[in-house]
Protein backbone atom coordinates (compact mmCIF):
# COMPACT_ATOMS: atom_id res chain seq x y z
CA MET A 1 -31.24 -5.67 -11.57
CA THR A 2 -30.69 -9.30 -12.59
CA LYS A 3 -27.29 -10.94 -12.59
CA PHE A 4 -27.32 -10.96 -16.40
CA GLU A 5 -28.06 -7.22 -16.51
CA LYS A 6 -25.22 -6.53 -14.05
CA CYS A 7 -22.79 -8.58 -16.15
CA LEU A 8 -23.95 -6.83 -19.31
CA LYS A 9 -23.49 -3.41 -17.68
CA VAL A 10 -19.95 -4.31 -16.60
CA GLU A 11 -19.11 -5.61 -20.08
CA ILE A 12 -20.39 -2.43 -21.71
CA GLU A 13 -18.29 -0.31 -19.33
CA VAL A 14 -15.24 -2.45 -20.11
CA GLU A 15 -15.90 -2.20 -23.85
CA VAL A 16 -16.11 1.60 -23.77
CA VAL A 17 -12.82 1.92 -21.87
CA ALA A 18 -11.19 -0.75 -24.07
CA CYS A 19 -12.23 1.10 -27.22
CA THR A 20 -10.75 4.30 -25.85
CA HIS A 21 -7.47 2.55 -25.00
CA ILE A 22 -7.32 0.87 -28.42
CA VAL A 23 -8.08 4.03 -30.40
CA VAL A 24 -5.51 6.10 -28.51
CA MET A 25 -2.84 3.42 -28.79
CA LEU A 26 -3.44 2.88 -32.51
CA PHE A 27 -3.72 6.58 -33.31
CA VAL A 28 -0.47 7.46 -31.55
CA TYR A 29 1.30 4.48 -33.10
CA ALA A 30 0.00 5.24 -36.61
CA ALA A 31 0.87 8.94 -36.27
CA GLU A 32 4.40 8.08 -35.21
CA LYS A 33 4.81 5.64 -38.08
CA PHE A 34 3.54 8.32 -40.46
CA PHE A 35 5.97 10.94 -39.15
CA ALA A 36 8.78 8.40 -39.35
CA GLY A 37 8.07 8.04 -43.06
CA ASP A 38 6.27 4.69 -42.84
CA GLY A 39 2.51 5.11 -43.11
CA TYR A 40 1.87 1.37 -42.87
CA VAL A 41 0.41 -0.24 -39.75
CA SER A 42 0.15 -4.00 -40.03
CA PHE A 43 -3.02 -5.92 -39.29
CA TRP A 44 -1.12 -7.87 -36.61
CA ASN A 45 -0.14 -4.67 -34.83
CA ILE A 46 -3.80 -3.66 -34.82
CA VAL A 47 -4.82 -7.05 -33.40
CA GLN A 48 -2.06 -6.95 -30.76
CA MET A 49 -2.97 -3.47 -29.60
CA SER A 50 -6.67 -4.33 -29.60
CA ILE A 51 -6.08 -7.37 -27.39
CA LEU A 52 -3.91 -5.26 -25.07
CA GLY A 53 -6.51 -2.49 -24.82
CA TYR A 54 -9.25 -4.98 -23.98
CA ALA A 55 -7.07 -6.81 -21.44
CA PHE A 56 -6.05 -3.52 -19.82
CA SER A 57 -9.66 -2.47 -19.52
CA TRP A 58 -10.59 -5.70 -17.73
CA PHE A 59 -7.53 -5.44 -15.49
CA GLN A 60 -8.44 -1.87 -14.56
CA ARG A 61 -12.06 -2.83 -13.94
CA MET A 62 -11.02 -5.68 -11.65
CA LEU A 63 -8.77 -3.35 -9.66
CA PHE A 64 -11.81 -1.30 -8.64
CA ARG A 65 -14.86 -3.38 -7.95
CA LYS A 66 -17.72 -0.98 -7.38
CA GLU A 67 -19.12 -3.00 -4.49
CA LYS A 68 -16.02 -2.53 -2.32
CA ILE A 69 -14.82 0.47 -0.32
CA TYR A 70 -11.05 0.81 -0.09
CA THR A 71 -8.85 2.39 2.53
CA GLN A 72 -6.93 5.44 1.38
CA LYS A 73 -3.73 3.39 1.14
CA GLU A 74 -5.43 0.59 -0.85
CA TYR A 75 -7.02 3.14 -3.14
CA LEU A 76 -3.72 4.90 -3.84
CA CYS A 77 -1.95 1.60 -4.51
CA ARG A 78 -4.70 0.51 -6.92
CA ALA A 79 -4.70 3.89 -8.66
CA ILE A 80 -0.95 3.65 -9.22
CA CYS A 81 -1.30 0.08 -10.53
CA TRP A 82 -4.16 1.26 -12.78
CA CYS A 83 -1.70 3.54 -14.60
CA ILE A 84 1.65 1.78 -14.25
CA ILE A 85 0.83 -1.87 -15.05
CA PRO A 86 -0.70 -1.15 -18.49
CA SER A 87 2.23 1.18 -19.23
CA ILE A 88 4.76 -1.51 -18.35
CA LEU A 89 2.88 -4.17 -20.31
CA THR A 90 2.67 -1.82 -23.31
CA LEU A 91 6.44 -1.34 -23.16
CA VAL A 92 7.09 -5.08 -22.81
CA SER A 93 4.65 -5.96 -25.59
CA GLY A 94 5.97 -3.32 -27.94
CA THR A 95 9.53 -4.45 -27.33
CA LEU A 96 8.85 -8.19 -27.66
CA LEU A 97 6.57 -7.76 -30.67
CA LYS A 98 8.99 -5.28 -32.32
CA TRP A 99 6.46 -2.53 -32.98
CA PHE A 100 9.22 -0.01 -33.61
CA ALA A 101 11.68 -2.20 -35.53
CA GLY A 102 13.57 -0.10 -38.03
CA LEU A 103 12.53 3.20 -36.46
CA HIS A 104 14.64 5.58 -34.41
CA ILE A 105 14.48 4.71 -30.70
CA GLY A 106 13.04 8.16 -29.98
CA PHE A 107 9.73 7.09 -31.55
CA SER A 108 9.34 4.18 -29.16
CA ILE A 109 10.33 6.24 -26.12
CA PHE A 110 7.87 8.97 -27.11
CA PHE A 111 5.12 6.36 -27.60
CA TYR A 112 5.64 4.72 -24.20
CA VAL A 113 5.86 8.03 -22.35
CA LEU A 114 2.75 9.31 -24.14
CA MET A 115 0.85 6.13 -23.22
CA LEU A 116 1.81 6.57 -19.55
CA VAL A 117 0.60 10.17 -19.66
CA TYR A 118 -2.60 8.99 -21.35
CA TYR A 119 -3.32 6.41 -18.62
CA ILE A 120 -2.72 9.02 -15.91
CA LEU A 121 -4.94 11.63 -17.61
CA PHE A 122 -7.63 9.04 -18.31
CA TRP A 123 -7.61 8.12 -14.61
CA ILE A 124 -7.92 11.77 -13.58
CA PHE A 125 -10.80 12.40 -16.01
CA LEU A 126 -12.62 9.29 -14.79
CA GLN A 127 -12.32 10.51 -11.21
CA LEU A 128 -13.73 13.90 -12.13
CA PHE A 129 -16.56 12.33 -14.11
CA TYR A 130 -17.56 9.91 -11.35
CA ARG A 131 -17.28 12.58 -8.67
CA GLU A 132 -19.70 14.82 -10.59
CA GLU A 133 -21.99 11.87 -11.26
CA SER A 134 -22.01 10.95 -7.55
CA GLN A 135 -22.80 14.53 -6.57
CA SER A 136 -25.68 14.65 -9.05
CA LEU A 137 -27.09 11.36 -7.77
CA ASN A 138 -26.79 12.51 -4.16
CA GLU A 139 -28.59 15.77 -4.97
CA TRP A 140 -31.32 13.85 -6.79
CA LEU A 141 -31.70 11.51 -3.80
CA GLN A 142 -31.95 14.43 -1.38
CA ASP A 143 -34.64 16.08 -3.55
CA PHE A 144 -36.50 12.79 -3.75
CA LYS A 145 -36.37 12.31 0.04
CA HIS A 146 -37.46 15.90 0.62
CA LYS A 147 -40.45 15.53 -1.72
CA ALA A 148 -41.36 12.17 -0.16
CA ASN A 149 -41.35 13.71 3.33
CA GLN A 150 -43.66 16.54 2.19
CA GLU A 151 -46.31 14.13 0.96
C-alpha cells in the first residue's frame, strides 16, 4: 500500500467517525430544541458542531495509532481520554458558544450527559467491532496457512 493510499484510508476512517459524531450531536441538539419549543437550529450551530465532530474524530484517531502496541495502563488512559476529552470540549464549546441560551439548564445538562454516554457506547461498539474483525482475519489467515501447507 502506497503512502497516499494509507493517508486516504486514514482520512476515510476519520470521516466516517466524524460524520457519526456530527449526526448524533446535531440530532440530540435539534431534538432538545424541538422539545423545548424552539425548532430552529442555526447554521452557525451546525458549523460549530461539525467542526467539533471532525476535530474529535482526528483527536481520537491520533490517540490510537494502529502501528503501535500499548501497555494495559497506556491503553486504559487513552480509552478514558477518548471519551472524556471530547465530552469536556463539547461542554466548554456549548457553554462558550451559548448553544442553550434561553433554554432551561436541564436541556444542556441532559445534552452533555447524553454526549458522554454516546462517546462511551461508541467506544465499546468499536472495540466489539474490531475484536470480531481481528478474529475473522486471524481465522482467514490460519485457513490460508493450512491450505498453503497442504499444497
